[in-house]
Structure formats: C-alpha cells, structure tokens
C-alpha cells in the first residue's frame, strides 16, 4: 500500500510545501545583515532567487480559491448556510493563530533590537496598530506591518469572505423563485451556473481591470483573478464538459496576459490549469505512487506551511541579531546562518502547529453555537443578519 490518506490530495500538499518554502527563502534573502552579505557575494544569483521566490504567493492565491470552492461549493452550488457562521469559523481557524504569531513577532522584535538596530525590525507597536492587525485592516489603514508577508493573511480573509458572500447572496436572490432542497447547498443547475458565473465575472474584472492598477493592492479585487482561477479549476471536475471549461479558463488567462503581460498572472494561470487538469483526469498518479514514508513526510510539510509562514520571521529577526552580535562575516558564515535559521523556523513551526494552530482549527471545524457565550452571540448575530438580508431580498422595502 502506497497511499497516505484516502482523501488526501498530494498534489496540493506538494504545492503548499514548495510555495511556503519559497516564501521563507524570499524573506531570508530580503532582510538583515545575512542577506546583505549574500547579495554582495553573488548579486545576480541572489537577485534572481529573490524575484522568483516572491512569485510563490500566486500559488497560494490559486490554491486558496481552489480550496474555498471545495469547502463552500464542491459542485458549483450557491451557499445555503449561514454567511456569518462560515466567516466566524474561518476567522477562528486562520486569524486567531495569526494574532498569537503577531504577539510572538512583537516579543521577537524587542529581543532582536537589543543586539541589532536595523530598519527591517518593527518598532514596538501602538494599541491602534495592533488593533488594526486584529481586524486585518493594517494595509487599509496604512499601519506598519508587525511581521513580513502578513498582508497575505488579510487579503486571504477578504478573498474568502468575498467568495462566500457571492455564493450566499446567489442563493438569497434566487431561492424564492426556485425553492431548493434541504442542506447547506442549493442544488438547482440554473442557480449553480449563476453562482459560478458571478465568481467568474469577478475573476475577469480582476484580471482585466483591478489587477492592472496597483492602487487596489490592499483589496481582494486586486487578487481575485488568481483566486477565481483556482475556484474555476476546482469546478472543472464537476463540469458537464470539463475540457471546454478548462479551455475557457485558459482563454481568459491568455487574453488577460495579451492585454497586459504580468508574470504573476502567468504563473497563476499555469498553476490553475494544472489543478484543473488533475480535477478532470483524476489524482496525480506520480505522487500517489510515492512510498508511504515520502507521502507522510510531504503531508507533514504541507500541514506546517501556515505555521511556517507565521513564525519564520521571528526566527529570522533573532537569527540576524545573533549573527550581528557575534560579529560573523563572509559568505560561508552567511550561508550556514541562513540554513540554520531555516531549520530553526521549521522546528518553531512544528511547535506552533502542534500546540496552537491545530487545537484552534479543531475547535473551529465543528462550530457549535451553544458551546460558549461567544458562540451563542455569533449564532444570534449571524441568524439575525441572515434573516434581515433574506427579508430585504425576498420582500424588498419600497424606498420613498
């Protein structure tokens, strides 16, 4: 037997593993005296690695849309559950670990400043700054980031919320005309086509308009092109004519590149087409044939990807501070220090995932409204909001 888990998608695990480590590499080459020494020793190589590794965020954007479609709309249906509750679950799973990581980053920066005075180390945060991070509004409010790359957490939450809102509103706008069966999803083929059509429309709007204007880069619409391509790639598997669906996705991406070539969109398109091809033709046999031990290792590395993203900057700051304090110098010392920071980041990610991220995800996965006062409040607010919107849509109020 060679499989690790029957429902495990090893190609997704492989992409998460590759992308997360490329992001770590990008930050290791971007900040601190270690990166300065490496750039002086091999400017062309480090410059190329710095630029190419930065593009890995597009892999995460595409996978984010792919996994959101799998969670919210596995057959392209409109979402019939509670919008507020699904957002609450997503916040608990993704943002609460992020806030703990921000506390670690603040503590790590305070320690690093003892030995190293460098612009890349964040200053002690103010309460408004930390509150902006808690609400994922730091980019919109112009607050300095407390860690590297954390803009992505805010954008990922925006993207998920936007897609969930579109799928939920599709049901709310259509269910009085086309009553659906019980369950979390609306099963009408027409409603499903409308739901997918609205997501694709947002994708096209992003590809052809918003993603071409950097002024939108704090908003989900700037990134929804890659996110929407990921969702469309997942829906290839349930399409009546998956070949046509995949061809349409390719045509949209190529037209966007023809109008305005963007390397990031080119990579997102390639990843989306590969995911769509796997959805059409079945699981990636090459990865499924790996030895069981390799599959388990790949799965473990994939599960650590978010924790690694959250905690590696703390290790990077402290590692650079120690490097500077010990007065180390030269390319060899820089390379050894970089690899040490990388390995220590992995160790920190293991601890963070085991004791913080995993317990929070476990509680967030099965949302029980009556389990606590906070959950009761969220349940009540969610149902009130759902009912208000439902009343406005089904029985519109005539405005004077």
Protein backbone atom coordinates (compact mmCIF):
# COMPACT_ATOMS: atom_id res chain seq x y z
CA UNK A 1 0.00 0.00 0.00
CA UNK A 2 1.43 3.38 -1.01
CA UNK A 3 -1.26 5.87 -0.17
CA UNK A 4 -1.09 8.04 2.92
CA UNK A 5 -4.72 9.05 3.44
CA UNK A 6 -7.56 8.12 1.07
CA UNK A 7 -8.88 11.69 0.87
CA UNK A 8 -5.50 13.40 0.81
CA UNK A 9 -4.63 15.47 -2.26
CA UNK A 10 -0.89 15.01 -2.55
CA UNK A 11 -0.54 17.49 -5.41
CA UNK A 12 -1.98 20.19 -3.13
CA UNK A 13 0.41 19.13 -0.37
CA UNK A 14 3.32 19.40 -2.79
CA UNK A 15 2.30 22.88 -3.94
CA UNK A 16 1.85 24.12 -0.37
CA UNK A 17 5.24 22.72 0.61
CA UNK A 18 7.03 24.32 -2.35
CA UNK A 19 5.28 27.69 -2.06
CA UNK A 20 5.75 28.04 1.70
CA UNK A 21 9.48 27.39 1.50
CA UNK A 22 9.89 29.76 -1.43
CA UNK A 23 8.24 32.49 0.64
CA UNK A 24 10.64 31.76 3.51
CA UNK A 25 13.56 31.92 1.06
CA UNK A 26 12.31 35.25 -0.26
CA UNK A 27 12.25 36.77 3.22
CA UNK A 28 15.62 35.26 4.19
CA UNK A 29 17.13 36.98 1.15
CA UNK A 30 15.29 40.25 1.78
CA UNK A 31 16.06 41.23 5.37
CA UNK A 32 19.03 41.66 7.63
CA UNK A 33 22.85 41.61 7.54
CA UNK A 34 22.92 37.99 6.40
CA UNK A 35 21.10 38.88 3.19
CA UNK A 36 23.34 41.93 2.71
CA UNK A 37 26.46 39.73 2.73
CA UNK A 38 24.91 37.24 0.31
CA UNK A 39 23.88 39.98 -2.10
CA UNK A 40 27.39 41.39 -2.10
CA UNK A 41 28.89 37.94 -2.72
CA UNK A 42 26.53 36.87 -5.54
CA UNK A 43 24.32 39.80 -6.60
CA UNK A 44 22.90 38.24 -9.78
CA UNK A 45 22.06 34.86 -8.22
CA UNK A 46 20.54 36.37 -5.06
CA UNK A 47 18.62 38.93 -7.12
CA UNK A 48 17.17 36.19 -9.33
CA UNK A 49 16.24 33.99 -6.35
CA UNK A 50 14.71 36.99 -4.56
CA UNK A 51 12.50 37.86 -7.53
CA UNK A 52 11.44 34.34 -8.46
CA UNK A 53 10.66 33.21 -4.91
CA UNK A 54 8.43 36.25 -4.48
CA UNK A 55 6.07 34.90 -7.13
CA UNK A 56 5.23 31.91 -4.92
CA UNK A 57 2.41 33.91 -3.35
CA UNK A 58 0.47 33.37 -6.58
CA UNK A 59 0.48 29.62 -5.87
CA UNK A 60 -1.16 30.29 -2.51
CA UNK A 61 -3.74 32.59 -4.10
CA UNK A 62 -4.76 29.97 -6.65
CA UNK A 63 -4.85 27.22 -4.04
CA UNK A 64 -6.89 29.49 -1.77
CA UNK A 65 -9.61 29.78 -4.40
CA UNK A 66 -9.38 26.06 -5.17
CA UNK A 67 -9.80 25.07 -1.51
CA UNK A 68 -12.53 27.68 -0.91
CA UNK A 69 -14.52 26.19 -3.80
CA UNK A 70 -14.01 22.71 -2.37
CA UNK A 71 -15.27 23.89 1.03
CA UNK A 72 -18.11 26.22 0.06
CA UNK A 73 -19.26 24.93 -3.31
CA UNK A 74 -17.91 21.49 -4.22
CA UNK A 75 -20.33 21.17 -7.16
CA UNK A 76 -20.50 24.86 -8.01
CA UNK A 77 -23.64 25.39 -5.93
CA UNK A 78 -24.82 28.53 -4.22
CA UNK A 79 -24.12 28.53 -0.50
CA UNK A 80 -27.24 27.93 1.58
CA UNK A 81 -25.72 28.03 5.07
CA UNK A 82 -25.13 31.00 7.35
CA UNK A 83 -22.68 33.55 5.98
CA UNK A 84 -21.79 34.89 9.44
CA UNK A 85 -21.09 31.43 10.84
CA UNK A 86 -18.84 30.35 7.99
CA UNK A 87 -16.87 33.61 8.29
CA UNK A 88 -16.61 33.11 12.04
CA UNK A 89 -15.20 29.61 11.56
CA UNK A 90 -12.70 30.87 9.02
CA UNK A 91 -11.62 33.68 11.34
CA UNK A 92 -11.08 31.28 14.22
CA UNK A 93 -9.10 28.87 12.08
CA UNK A 94 -6.86 31.37 10.30
CA UNK A 95 -6.80 34.67 12.15
CA UNK A 96 -6.54 33.62 15.80
CA UNK A 97 -3.25 31.75 15.19
CA UNK A 98 -2.13 34.80 13.23
CA UNK A 99 -2.76 37.07 16.24
CA UNK A 100 -0.70 34.81 18.50
CA UNK A 101 2.06 34.87 15.91
CA UNK A 102 1.91 38.69 15.96
CA UNK A 103 2.46 38.64 19.74
CA UNK A 104 5.48 36.42 19.17
CA UNK A 105 6.72 38.82 16.49
CA UNK A 106 6.42 41.78 18.87
CA UNK A 107 8.39 39.88 21.55
CA UNK A 108 10.96 38.70 18.99
CA UNK A 109 11.46 42.22 17.66
CA UNK A 110 12.00 43.54 21.20
CA UNK A 111 14.73 40.93 21.80
CA UNK A 112 16.34 41.46 18.40
CA UNK A 113 16.58 45.23 18.94
CA UNK A 114 18.90 44.60 21.92
CA UNK A 115 21.70 43.48 19.57
CA UNK A 116 20.67 44.76 16.15
CA UNK A 117 19.46 48.18 15.06
CA UNK A 118 18.07 47.61 11.59
CA UNK A 119 15.16 49.12 9.66
CA UNK A 120 13.60 45.71 8.94
CA UNK A 121 12.92 45.07 12.65
CA UNK A 122 9.49 46.53 13.55
CA UNK A 123 9.29 49.13 16.30
CA UNK A 124 7.21 48.49 19.41
CA UNK A 125 3.57 48.63 18.26
CA UNK A 126 0.91 51.02 19.46
CA UNK A 127 -2.51 49.76 20.52
CA UNK A 128 -4.19 51.18 17.36
CA UNK A 129 -1.57 49.39 15.27
CA UNK A 130 -2.19 46.04 16.98
CA UNK A 131 -5.97 46.53 16.80
CA UNK A 132 -5.65 47.18 13.06
CA UNK A 133 -3.83 43.85 12.74
CA UNK A 134 -6.50 42.06 14.78
CA UNK A 135 -9.15 43.40 12.40
CA UNK A 136 -6.92 42.68 9.36
CA UNK A 137 -7.07 46.35 8.39
CA UNK A 138 -3.39 47.26 8.74
CA UNK A 139 -2.91 47.73 5.00
CA UNK A 140 -6.09 49.73 4.51
CA UNK A 141 -5.29 51.98 7.48
CA UNK A 142 -1.65 52.47 6.48
CA UNK A 143 -0.26 50.85 9.65
CA UNK A 144 3.26 49.41 9.58
CA UNK A 145 3.29 45.61 9.48
CA UNK A 146 4.45 43.71 12.57
CA UNK A 147 5.85 40.84 10.51
CA UNK A 148 6.85 40.06 6.94
CA UNK A 149 4.23 38.98 4.45
CA UNK A 150 1.26 39.32 6.78
CA UNK A 151 -0.62 41.37 4.19
CA UNK A 152 -1.46 38.00 2.67
CA UNK A 153 -3.47 36.91 5.74
CA UNK A 154 -5.69 39.99 5.42
CA UNK A 155 -6.11 39.51 1.68
CA UNK A 156 -6.85 35.79 2.04
CA UNK A 157 -9.60 36.59 4.55
CA UNK A 158 -11.04 39.24 2.23
CA UNK A 159 -11.00 36.82 -0.69
CA UNK A 160 -12.70 34.03 1.24
CA UNK A 161 -15.32 36.42 2.60
CA UNK A 162 -16.00 37.86 -0.85
CA UNK A 163 -16.43 34.45 -2.44
CA UNK A 164 -18.63 33.22 0.41
CA UNK A 165 -20.73 36.39 0.13
CA UNK A 166 -21.23 35.95 -3.63
CA UNK A 167 -22.28 32.29 -3.25
CA UNK A 168 -24.55 33.09 -0.30
CA UNK A 169 -26.21 36.08 -1.99
CA UNK A 170 -26.79 33.98 -5.11
CA UNK A 171 -28.96 31.66 -3.05
CA UNK A 172 -30.70 34.53 -1.28
CA UNK A 173 -31.51 36.21 -4.61
CA UNK A 174 -32.89 33.08 -6.23
CA UNK A 175 -34.40 30.80 -3.59
CA UNK A 176 -37.82 32.47 -3.51
CA UNK A 177 -38.15 31.76 -7.25
CA UNK A 178 -36.50 28.35 -7.23
CA UNK A 179 -37.06 26.62 -3.88
CA UNK A 180 -34.27 24.15 -3.15
CA UNK A 181 -33.99 21.01 -1.10
CA UNK A 182 -32.72 20.99 2.46
CA UNK A 183 -28.98 21.09 3.06
CA UNK A 184 -26.15 23.60 3.01
CA UNK A 185 -26.12 23.95 -0.77
CA UNK A 186 -28.64 24.98 -3.40
CA UNK A 187 -28.88 22.18 -5.96
CA UNK A 188 -30.58 23.88 -8.92
CA UNK A 189 -28.47 23.70 -12.08
CA UNK A 190 -29.51 27.22 -13.07
CA UNK A 191 -28.57 28.60 -9.66
CA UNK A 192 -25.25 26.74 -9.80
CA UNK A 193 -24.48 28.26 -13.20
CA UNK A 194 -25.36 31.70 -11.85
CA UNK A 195 -23.13 31.23 -8.80
CA UNK A 196 -20.18 30.13 -10.91
CA UNK A 197 -20.88 32.88 -13.41
CA UNK A 198 -20.71 35.57 -10.74
CA UNK A 199 -17.41 34.21 -9.40
CA UNK A 200 -16.01 34.09 -12.94
CA UNK A 201 -17.24 37.64 -13.56
CA UNK A 202 -15.31 38.83 -10.50
CA UNK A 203 -12.30 36.91 -11.76
CA UNK A 204 -12.48 38.63 -15.14
CA UNK A 205 -12.99 42.03 -13.54
CA UNK A 206 -9.84 41.49 -11.53
CA UNK A 207 -7.76 40.18 -14.44
CA UNK A 208 -8.74 42.92 -16.88
CA UNK A 209 -9.28 45.91 -14.58
CA UNK A 210 -8.35 45.81 -10.89
CA UNK A 211 -5.14 43.76 -11.08
CA UNK A 212 -3.72 46.25 -13.57
CA UNK A 213 -3.96 49.10 -11.05
CA UNK A 214 -1.59 48.85 -8.05
CA UNK A 215 -3.84 51.25 -6.16
CA UNK A 216 -6.13 48.30 -5.46
CA UNK A 217 -3.45 46.07 -3.91
CA UNK A 218 -4.91 46.33 -0.41
CA UNK A 219 -8.25 44.96 -1.62
CA UNK A 220 -9.43 41.48 -2.54
CA UNK A 221 -10.49 42.59 -6.03
CA UNK A 222 -6.83 43.08 -6.99
CA UNK A 223 -6.07 39.42 -6.28
CA UNK A 224 -9.37 37.79 -7.22
CA UNK A 225 -8.09 36.94 -10.70
CA UNK A 226 -5.76 34.26 -9.31
CA UNK A 227 -8.24 33.26 -6.60
CA UNK A 228 -11.09 32.90 -9.09
CA UNK A 229 -8.92 30.83 -11.43
CA UNK A 230 -8.32 28.45 -8.52
CA UNK A 231 -12.06 28.15 -7.89
CA UNK A 232 -12.74 27.57 -11.58
CA UNK A 233 -10.01 24.90 -11.63
CA UNK A 234 -11.82 23.01 -8.88
CA UNK A 235 -15.16 23.24 -10.67
CA UNK A 236 -13.64 21.63 -13.77
CA UNK A 237 -14.10 18.30 -12.01
CA UNK A 238 -17.89 18.69 -11.79
CA UNK A 239 -18.43 20.40 -15.16
CA UNK A 240 -20.53 18.72 -17.85
CA UNK A 241 -17.79 19.39 -20.38
CA UNK A 242 -14.57 19.72 -18.35
CA UNK A 243 -12.44 20.15 -21.47
CA UNK A 244 -14.46 23.17 -22.56
CA UNK A 245 -14.43 24.57 -19.04
CA UNK A 246 -10.64 24.22 -18.84
CA UNK A 247 -10.26 25.72 -22.30
CA UNK A 248 -12.38 28.72 -21.29
CA UNK A 249 -10.18 29.24 -18.24
CA UNK A 250 -7.05 29.10 -20.42
CA UNK A 251 -8.56 31.55 -22.93
CA UNK A 252 -9.45 34.07 -20.19
CA UNK A 253 -5.95 33.91 -18.76
CA UNK A 254 -4.24 34.22 -22.13
CA UNK A 255 -6.38 37.20 -23.11
CA UNK A 256 -5.51 38.91 -19.82
CA UNK A 257 -1.81 38.30 -20.48
CA UNK A 258 -2.14 39.51 -24.07
CA UNK A 259 -3.77 42.73 -22.90
CA UNK A 260 -1.21 43.33 -20.12
CA UNK A 261 1.52 40.75 -19.55
CA UNK A 262 2.08 40.13 -15.84
CA UNK A 263 4.45 37.41 -14.76
CA UNK A 264 2.41 36.78 -11.61
CA UNK A 265 -0.76 36.16 -13.63
CA UNK A 266 1.16 33.85 -15.97
CA UNK A 267 2.24 31.70 -13.02
CA UNK A 268 -1.27 31.74 -11.52
CA UNK A 269 -2.70 30.58 -14.85
CA UNK A 270 -0.22 27.71 -15.13
CA UNK A 271 -0.99 26.53 -11.58
CA UNK A 272 -4.75 26.81 -12.15
CA UNK A 273 -4.58 24.85 -15.41
CA UNK A 274 -2.53 22.11 -13.76
CA UNK A 275 -5.03 21.86 -10.89
CA UNK A 276 -7.91 21.83 -13.36
CA UNK A 277 -6.25 19.10 -15.40
CA UNK A 278 -5.88 16.96 -12.26
CA UNK A 279 -9.55 17.58 -11.42
CA UNK A 280 -10.51 16.45 -14.91
CA UNK A 281 -8.23 13.45 -15.28
CA UNK A 282 -8.05 12.29 -11.68
CA UNK A 283 -5.42 12.30 -8.90
CA UNK A 284 -1.79 12.83 -9.80
CA UNK A 285 -0.55 9.26 -10.22
CA UNK A 286 3.12 10.21 -9.94
CA UNK A 287 2.71 11.47 -6.38
CA UNK A 288 0.30 8.68 -5.44
CA UNK A 289 2.97 6.15 -6.36
CA UNK A 290 5.48 7.61 -3.91
CA UNK A 291 6.49 5.40 -0.97
CA UNK A 292 4.27 5.74 2.07
CA UNK A 293 7.04 7.36 4.09
CA UNK A 294 7.53 10.05 1.44
CA UNK A 295 3.80 10.72 1.30
CA UNK A 296 3.64 11.13 5.07
CA UNK A 297 6.61 13.49 5.02
CA UNK A 298 5.02 15.56 2.24
CA UNK A 299 1.72 15.71 4.15
CA UNK A 300 3.50 16.81 7.32
CA UNK A 301 5.38 19.55 5.48
CA UNK A 302 2.13 20.71 3.92
CA UNK A 303 0.39 20.86 7.30
CA UNK A 304 3.25 23.02 8.61
CA UNK A 305 3.03 25.54 5.76
CA UNK A 306 0.79 28.10 7.51
CA UNK A 307 2.64 27.82 10.82
CA UNK A 308 5.95 28.22 8.99
CA UNK A 309 4.64 31.32 7.27
CA UNK A 310 3.54 32.81 10.59
CA UNK A 311 6.63 32.16 12.74
CA UNK A 312 9.64 32.21 10.42
CA UNK A 313 10.08 35.99 10.60
CA UNK A 314 10.56 35.82 14.38
CA UNK A 315 13.39 33.33 13.91
CA UNK A 316 14.78 35.44 11.06
CA UNK A 317 14.97 38.55 13.27
CA UNK A 318 16.61 36.72 16.17
CA UNK A 319 19.00 34.85 13.87
CA UNK A 320 20.19 38.05 12.24
CA UNK A 321 20.61 39.68 15.65
CA UNK A 322 22.80 36.79 16.86
CA UNK A 323 24.77 36.88 13.60
CA UNK A 324 25.47 40.58 14.06
CA UNK A 325 26.24 40.25 17.78
CA UNK A 326 28.81 37.50 17.16
CA UNK A 327 30.43 39.74 14.53
CA UNK A 328 30.26 36.98 11.90
CA UNK A 329 31.24 37.81 8.35
CA UNK A 330 31.82 36.24 4.95
CA UNK A 331 29.62 34.26 2.53
CA UNK A 332 30.24 30.89 4.22
CA UNK A 333 29.11 32.15 7.63
CA UNK A 334 26.09 33.80 5.98
CA UNK A 335 25.05 30.61 4.17
CA UNK A 336 25.45 28.48 7.33
CA UNK A 337 23.48 31.03 9.35
CA UNK A 338 20.74 31.17 6.69
CA UNK A 339 20.35 27.38 6.70
CA UNK A 340 20.33 27.34 10.50
CA UNK A 341 17.57 29.95 10.59
CA UNK A 342 15.63 27.91 8.04
CA UNK A 343 15.87 24.72 10.12
CA UNK A 344 15.01 26.52 13.35
CA UNK A 345 12.00 28.06 11.59
CA UNK A 346 10.80 24.56 10.72
CA UNK A 347 11.24 23.47 14.34
CA UNK A 348 9.30 26.51 15.56
CA UNK A 349 6.58 25.77 13.01
CA UNK A 350 6.25 22.21 14.37
CA UNK A 351 5.69 23.56 17.88
CA UNK A 352 3.29 26.29 16.71
CA UNK A 353 1.23 23.92 14.56
CA UNK A 354 1.03 21.25 17.28
CA UNK A 355 0.11 23.45 20.22
CA UNK A 356 -1.63 26.48 18.72
CA UNK A 357 -2.84 26.11 15.14
CA UNK A 358 -4.14 22.55 15.32
CA UNK A 359 -6.23 22.99 18.53
CA UNK A 360 -7.77 26.18 17.15
CA UNK A 361 -8.57 24.52 13.83
CA UNK A 362 -10.14 21.58 15.64
CA UNK A 363 -12.46 23.86 17.58
CA UNK A 364 -13.28 25.95 14.52
CA UNK A 365 -14.02 22.97 12.28
CA UNK A 366 -17.17 21.96 14.11
CA UNK A 367 -18.93 25.19 15.07
CA UNK A 368 -21.29 24.54 17.97
CA UNK A 369 -23.41 27.64 18.66
CA UNK A 370 -24.34 26.58 22.20
CA UNK A 371 -20.83 25.68 23.36
CA UNK A 372 -19.96 29.12 24.75
CA UNK A 373 -21.32 32.60 25.26
CA UNK A 374 -19.20 33.88 22.35
CA UNK A 375 -20.52 31.23 20.01
CA UNK A 376 -24.10 31.92 21.10
CA UNK A 377 -23.60 35.60 20.33
CA UNK A 378 -22.14 34.80 16.91
CA UNK A 379 -25.00 32.41 16.22
CA UNK A 380 -27.62 35.00 17.17
CA UNK A 381 -25.95 37.80 15.20
CA UNK A 382 -25.49 35.51 12.22
CA UNK A 383 -29.13 34.44 12.16
CA UNK A 384 -30.37 38.00 12.63
CA UNK A 385 -28.17 39.18 9.76
CA UNK A 386 -29.25 36.28 7.56
CA UNK A 387 -32.93 36.93 8.28
CA UNK A 388 -32.63 40.68 7.68
CA UNK A 389 -30.95 40.16 4.33
CA UNK A 390 -33.43 37.44 3.45
CA UNK A 391 -36.34 39.79 4.23
CA UNK A 392 -34.86 42.60 2.20
CA UNK A 393 -34.27 40.36 -0.80
CA UNK A 394 -37.47 38.35 -0.69
CA UNK A 395 -39.73 41.22 0.38
CA UNK A 396 -37.97 44.39 -0.84
CA UNK A 397 -38.70 47.57 1.10
CA UNK A 398 -40.08 50.35 -1.07
CA UNK A 399 -37.99 53.47 -0.54
CA UNK A 400 -39.79 56.81 -0.51
